[in-house]
Amino acid sequence: MKTIRSIIGAIVAGTTIVACQLAAAQDLGPTLNKINSAGVIVVGHREASIPFSYYDGNQNVVGFSQDLCQKVIDAVKTKLGKPNLTVRLVPVNSQNRIPLLQNGTIDIECGVTTNTNARHAQVAFSDTIFLALTRLLVNKDSGIKDFGDLANKTVVTNAGTTAESIIRRMNVDRKLNMNIISTKDYGESFLTLETGRAKAFMLDDVLLSGARTTSRKPDDWIVTGTAQSKEPYAFMLRKDDPAFKTLVDGTLSKVMTSGEIDAIYAKWFQKPVPPKEINFNFAMTPQLRELYAHPDDQAAY
């Protein structure tokens, strides 16, 4: 009889353990389960989005977004109890960032993606990490001061961005007869501008300032034009995974509300940054400071 009871007890105990393991797995959600099983977190990054996510002179991925992403990576390691979790970095661009997240190639995108309602059908977003404005980068001697000056001129922007949608809609609505070139990334767009194939580069103001720093003569270029939209940058996550979003948002919120964000912001926007050690002198706006005090994940439009 004791043997039968022992066997039954062992079966019950085993069943309980399995049930607990399944419950724990369900609590982690699909992204953390994937990371836990593989022993790897795969991070999507940008190659030339200075100062958010880009390669420095030694081909290391650095930037404001990367510093905040590292906080998330550390939180994942703690959550899973895996301090030696492998981190794999995968470069992404405006066109492939959403498909690579959806198909599981990357687990999180830490770059410069704007949180929009239209994208919510495909992905989820973390709390906002930065607010930018869409404007123009032009040569200081171009005579271009605002969007109305672009009539019959060639304008370059990044494919798959909100800026591209805005400039193409403006071209039709205002009958500006612009020739619009869409490129794969910031480096290619600025090269198009710098070599004279375009007269203006439209994108988010802080990214335009970043592109300017890569020029041989940064002082030849100015950011100008009436802001056409407000762009809340956020980390992209897979849809329908509240457990992972809770971890990411909680991590970012702690960094922001504790004031730790101030030093990270100053490092990338108010001090010299690689590769050319140019200072953006990009002061934190009152809107951004308010956002850091009260984090949220509201879409731009």
Protein backbone atom coordinates (compact mmCIF):
# COMPACT_ATOMS: atom_id res chain seq x y z
CA MET A 1 0.00 0.00 0.00
CA LYS A 2 2.87 2.34 0.85
CA THR A 3 4.39 1.67 -2.55
CA ILE A 4 1.13 2.56 -4.31
CA ARG A 5 0.81 5.75 -2.24
CA SER A 6 4.43 6.63 -3.05
CA ILE A 7 3.86 6.12 -6.75
CA ILE A 8 0.68 8.19 -6.66
CA GLY A 9 2.49 10.87 -4.66
CA ALA A 10 5.33 10.97 -7.16
CA ILE A 11 2.90 11.26 -10.05
CA VAL A 12 1.04 14.11 -8.34
CA ALA A 13 4.30 15.88 -7.51
CA GLY A 14 5.55 15.45 -11.06
CA THR A 15 2.29 16.73 -12.46
CA THR A 16 2.44 19.73 -10.15
CA ILE A 17 5.98 20.55 -11.23
CA VAL A 18 5.05 20.33 -14.90
CA ALA A 19 1.96 22.48 -14.29
CA CYS A 20 4.07 25.08 -12.47
CA GLN A 21 6.60 25.09 -15.27
CA LEU A 22 3.85 25.58 -17.85
CA ALA A 23 2.30 28.36 -15.78
CA ALA A 24 5.67 30.07 -15.45
CA ALA A 25 6.20 29.80 -19.19
CA GLN A 26 2.76 31.29 -19.82
CA ASP A 27 3.57 34.15 -17.42
CA LEU A 28 6.74 34.93 -19.38
CA GLY A 29 4.85 35.34 -22.64
CA PRO A 30 6.05 34.42 -26.14
CA THR A 31 9.04 36.79 -26.45
CA LEU A 32 10.62 35.99 -23.09
CA ASN A 33 9.91 32.29 -23.63
CA LYS A 34 11.70 32.46 -26.98
CA ILE A 35 14.67 34.27 -25.43
CA ASN A 36 14.75 31.88 -22.50
CA SER A 37 14.67 28.78 -24.70
CA ALA A 38 17.29 30.04 -27.16
CA GLY A 39 19.54 31.61 -24.55
CA VAL A 40 19.79 34.63 -26.87
CA ILE A 41 18.10 38.02 -27.12
CA VAL A 42 18.21 39.45 -30.65
CA VAL A 43 18.19 43.24 -30.89
CA GLY A 44 17.44 45.16 -34.07
CA HIS A 45 19.55 48.31 -34.43
CA ARG A 46 20.18 51.02 -37.00
CA GLU A 47 23.48 51.50 -38.82
CA ALA A 48 23.63 55.28 -39.22
CA SER A 49 21.02 56.96 -36.99
CA ILE A 50 23.37 59.26 -35.07
CA PRO A 51 23.14 59.71 -32.09
CA PHE A 52 20.47 57.07 -31.43
CA SER A 53 21.75 53.85 -32.97
CA TYR A 54 24.77 53.60 -35.24
CA TYR A 55 28.27 52.23 -35.74
CA ASP A 56 31.12 54.15 -34.16
CA GLY A 57 34.65 54.29 -35.58
CA ASN A 58 35.34 50.78 -34.26
CA GLN A 59 32.14 49.31 -35.75
CA ASN A 60 30.53 48.99 -32.33
CA VAL A 61 26.79 49.72 -32.09
CA VAL A 62 26.36 52.78 -29.88
CA GLY A 63 23.88 55.58 -29.20
CA PHE A 64 21.09 56.90 -27.02
CA SER A 65 18.68 54.13 -28.02
CA GLN A 66 21.36 51.52 -27.44
CA ASP A 67 22.09 52.76 -23.93
CA LEU A 68 18.38 52.53 -23.06
CA CYS A 69 18.15 49.15 -24.79
CA GLN A 70 20.97 47.89 -22.60
CA LYS A 71 18.80 48.67 -19.57
CA VAL A 72 16.10 46.44 -21.07
CA ILE A 73 18.61 43.69 -21.82
CA ASP A 74 19.81 43.80 -18.20
CA ALA A 75 16.20 43.56 -17.00
CA VAL A 76 15.62 40.52 -19.23
CA LYS A 77 18.73 38.84 -17.82
CA THR A 78 17.46 39.45 -14.29
CA LYS A 79 13.94 38.27 -15.10
CA LEU A 80 15.19 35.03 -16.63
CA GLY A 81 17.99 34.51 -14.13
CA LYS A 82 20.51 34.40 -16.97
CA PRO A 83 23.31 36.91 -16.34
CA ASN A 84 25.31 35.44 -19.24
CA LEU A 85 22.46 35.68 -21.76
CA THR A 86 23.88 36.09 -25.27
CA VAL A 87 23.03 39.36 -27.04
CA ARG A 88 22.91 39.28 -30.83
CA LEU A 89 22.74 42.55 -32.78
CA VAL A 90 21.03 42.64 -36.18
CA PRO A 91 21.06 45.77 -38.39
CA VAL A 92 17.63 46.84 -39.65
CA ASN A 93 16.29 49.64 -41.82
CA SER A 94 12.99 51.44 -42.40
CA GLN A 95 11.74 48.83 -44.85
CA ASN A 96 12.58 45.57 -43.08
CA ARG A 97 12.32 46.44 -39.38
CA ILE A 98 8.65 45.42 -39.03
CA PRO A 99 8.87 42.14 -41.01
CA LEU A 100 12.00 41.09 -39.08
CA LEU A 101 10.19 41.67 -35.79
CA GLN A 102 7.05 39.86 -36.93
CA ASN A 103 8.87 36.79 -38.22
CA GLY A 104 10.94 36.39 -35.04
CA THR A 105 14.33 37.37 -36.50
CA ILE A 106 14.61 40.11 -33.86
CA ASP A 107 12.99 40.29 -30.43
CA ILE A 108 13.01 44.07 -30.02
CA GLU A 109 13.91 46.99 -32.27
CA CYS A 110 15.93 49.69 -30.52
CA GLY A 111 16.30 52.46 -33.05
CA VAL A 112 14.32 55.51 -34.13
CA THR A 113 10.87 54.19 -35.00
CA THR A 114 7.86 56.49 -34.62
CA ASN A 115 4.88 55.13 -32.72
CA THR A 116 1.87 55.59 -35.04
CA ASN A 117 -1.65 54.18 -34.88
CA ALA A 118 -1.26 52.74 -38.38
CA ARG A 119 1.65 50.57 -37.22
CA HIS A 120 -0.37 49.19 -34.30
CA ALA A 121 -1.99 46.74 -36.69
CA GLN A 122 1.41 45.06 -37.06
CA VAL A 123 3.47 45.73 -33.92
CA ALA A 124 3.40 47.11 -30.40
CA PHE A 125 5.44 49.97 -28.92
CA SER A 126 7.15 50.70 -25.64
CA ASP A 127 6.80 53.96 -23.76
CA THR A 128 8.18 56.89 -25.76
CA ILE A 129 11.94 57.44 -25.47
CA PHE A 130 12.21 60.68 -27.50
CA LEU A 131 10.12 63.34 -29.27
CA ALA A 132 11.31 64.71 -32.62
CA LEU A 133 9.94 67.14 -35.24
CA THR A 134 10.04 66.61 -39.02
CA ARG A 135 11.96 69.43 -40.75
CA LEU A 136 14.56 69.98 -43.52
CA LEU A 137 18.34 69.82 -43.82
CA VAL A 138 19.74 72.10 -46.52
CA ASN A 139 22.94 73.84 -47.52
CA LYS A 140 23.15 77.19 -45.74
CA ASP A 141 23.53 78.94 -49.13
CA SER A 142 20.62 77.13 -50.81
CA GLY A 143 18.06 79.85 -50.21
CA ILE A 144 15.64 77.23 -48.87
CA LYS A 145 14.03 78.29 -45.60
CA ASP A 146 10.74 76.41 -45.56
CA PHE A 147 8.75 73.77 -47.41
CA GLY A 148 7.23 76.27 -49.82
CA ASP A 149 10.71 76.86 -51.22
CA LEU A 150 10.91 73.26 -52.45
CA ALA A 151 8.70 73.79 -55.51
CA ASN A 152 10.23 72.14 -58.61
CA LYS A 153 13.22 70.91 -56.57
CA THR A 154 14.50 67.44 -55.71
CA VAL A 155 13.99 66.32 -52.10
CA VAL A 156 15.36 63.18 -50.49
CA THR A 157 14.01 61.25 -47.51
CA ASN A 158 14.14 57.74 -46.05
CA ALA A 159 11.85 55.09 -47.51
CA GLY A 160 9.20 53.71 -45.17
CA THR A 161 9.28 56.67 -42.78
CA THR A 162 6.51 59.02 -41.69
CA ALA A 163 8.50 61.84 -43.31
CA GLU A 164 8.16 60.12 -46.68
CA SER A 165 4.37 59.91 -46.31
CA ILE A 166 4.17 63.58 -45.29
CA ILE A 167 6.33 64.95 -48.12
CA ARG A 168 4.55 62.89 -50.77
CA ARG A 169 1.14 64.01 -49.52
CA MET A 170 2.34 67.64 -49.38
CA ASN A 171 3.60 67.40 -52.94
CA VAL A 172 0.13 66.46 -54.15
CA ASP A 173 -1.89 68.74 -51.88
CA ARG A 174 0.22 71.86 -52.51
CA LYS A 175 1.11 71.05 -56.14
CA LEU A 176 4.82 71.68 -55.52
CA ASN A 177 6.02 69.49 -58.38
CA MET A 178 8.89 68.14 -56.28
CA ASN A 179 11.01 65.21 -57.40
CA ILE A 180 11.10 62.97 -54.33
CA ILE A 181 13.87 60.41 -53.86
CA SER A 182 13.44 57.70 -51.20
CA THR A 183 16.58 55.92 -49.95
CA LYS A 184 17.23 52.99 -47.64
CA ASP A 185 18.83 54.91 -44.74
CA TYR A 186 20.18 58.16 -43.32
CA GLY A 187 23.66 57.75 -44.71
CA GLU A 188 22.41 57.30 -48.27
CA SER A 189 19.96 60.20 -47.93
CA PHE A 190 22.62 62.60 -46.70
CA LEU A 191 25.04 61.47 -49.41
CA THR A 192 22.33 62.26 -51.97
CA LEU A 193 22.04 65.76 -50.48
CA GLU A 194 25.76 66.30 -50.04
CA THR A 195 26.57 65.35 -53.63
CA GLY A 196 23.97 67.76 -55.02
CA ARG A 197 21.49 65.17 -56.29
CA ALA A 198 18.90 66.69 -53.94
CA LYS A 199 18.42 70.22 -52.62
CA ALA A 200 16.85 69.23 -49.29
CA PHE A 201 16.68 66.25 -46.95
CA MET A 202 13.43 65.86 -45.00
CA LEU A 203 13.38 63.85 -41.79
CA ASP A 204 13.23 64.24 -38.01
CA ASP A 205 15.18 67.27 -36.79
CA VAL A 206 17.46 65.39 -34.43
CA LEU A 207 18.34 62.82 -37.10
CA LEU A 208 19.07 65.61 -39.56
CA SER A 209 21.41 67.11 -36.98
CA GLY A 210 23.02 63.69 -36.68
CA ALA A 211 23.47 63.35 -40.44
CA ARG A 212 25.04 66.80 -40.47
CA THR A 213 27.78 65.64 -38.09
CA THR A 214 28.99 63.11 -40.68
CA SER A 215 29.76 65.84 -43.20
CA ARG A 216 33.28 67.01 -43.98
CA LYS A 217 32.03 70.53 -43.24
CA PRO A 218 29.13 70.36 -40.75
CA ASP A 219 28.78 74.15 -40.64
CA ASP A 220 27.74 74.15 -44.32
CA TRP A 221 24.40 72.56 -43.40
CA ILE A 222 21.43 73.89 -41.41
CA VAL A 223 18.15 72.44 -40.12
CA THR A 224 15.23 74.63 -41.15
CA GLY A 225 11.52 74.65 -42.00
CA THR A 226 8.24 74.63 -40.12
CA ALA A 227 7.79 71.36 -38.23
CA GLN A 228 5.33 69.12 -40.08
CA SER A 229 4.75 66.50 -37.39
CA LYS A 230 5.68 65.37 -33.91
CA GLU A 231 7.46 62.01 -33.85
CA PRO A 232 7.41 59.95 -30.61
CA TYR A 233 10.22 57.39 -30.89
CA ALA A 234 9.72 54.09 -29.11
CA PHE A 235 11.10 50.57 -29.09
CA MET A 236 9.15 48.21 -31.32
CA LEU A 237 7.86 44.97 -29.81
CA ARG A 238 5.79 42.09 -31.14
CA LYS A 239 2.02 42.42 -30.78
CA ASP A 240 -0.03 40.64 -28.15
CA ASP A 241 2.78 40.09 -25.67
CA PRO A 242 1.80 42.09 -22.56
CA ALA A 243 4.38 40.36 -20.35
CA PHE A 244 7.31 41.60 -22.45
CA LYS A 245 5.82 45.08 -22.88
CA THR A 246 5.32 45.34 -19.11
CA LEU A 247 8.98 44.48 -18.52
CA VAL A 248 10.21 46.95 -21.17
CA ASP A 249 7.93 49.79 -20.06
CA GLY A 250 8.74 49.23 -16.40
CA THR A 251 12.45 49.36 -17.12
CA LEU A 252 12.24 52.53 -19.22
CA SER A 253 9.86 54.22 -16.79
CA LYS A 254 12.27 53.65 -13.91
CA VAL A 255 15.16 55.18 -15.88
CA MET A 256 13.04 58.20 -16.81
CA THR A 257 11.28 59.00 -13.55
CA SER A 258 14.37 58.41 -11.40
CA GLY A 259 16.29 61.11 -13.27
CA GLU A 260 18.83 58.61 -14.61
CA ILE A 261 17.71 59.66 -18.09
CA ASP A 262 19.33 63.09 -17.63
CA ALA A 263 22.88 61.74 -17.73
CA ILE A 264 22.11 59.46 -20.68
CA TYR A 265 20.53 62.34 -22.59
CA ALA A 266 23.44 64.70 -21.86
CA LYS A 267 25.93 62.05 -23.00
CA TRP A 268 24.43 61.87 -26.50
CA PHE A 269 22.89 65.28 -27.11
CA GLN A 270 24.98 67.74 -25.12
CA LYS A 271 28.49 66.31 -25.25
CA PRO A 272 30.82 65.35 -28.14
CA VAL A 273 29.80 62.04 -29.71
CA PRO A 274 31.78 59.64 -31.90
CA PRO A 275 32.94 59.26 -34.58
CA LYS A 276 33.81 62.95 -35.08
CA GLU A 277 33.33 64.11 -31.48
CA ILE A 278 30.84 66.79 -32.52
CA ASN A 279 28.45 68.19 -29.91
CA PHE A 280 24.80 68.33 -31.03
CA ASN A 281 23.99 70.98 -28.39
CA PHE A 282 20.43 69.65 -28.56
CA ALA A 283 18.79 70.75 -25.31
CA MET A 284 15.96 68.72 -23.81
CA THR A 285 12.65 70.35 -24.73
CA PRO A 286 9.98 71.08 -22.08
CA GLN A 287 7.71 68.55 -23.84
CA LEU A 288 10.33 65.83 -23.58
CA ARG A 289 11.10 66.65 -19.96
CA GLU A 290 7.39 66.38 -19.15
CA LEU A 291 7.23 63.05 -20.96
CA TYR A 292 10.13 61.67 -18.94
CA ALA A 293 8.38 62.76 -15.74
CA HIS A 294 5.17 61.01 -16.84
CA PRO A 295 6.05 58.24 -19.35
CA ASP A 296 3.41 57.05 -21.81
CA ASP A 297 3.08 55.10 -25.04
CA GLN A 298 0.74 57.41 -26.94
CA ALA A 299 0.94 57.25 -30.74
CA ALA A 300 1.68 60.34 -32.82
CA TYR A 301 -1.35 60.04 -35.09
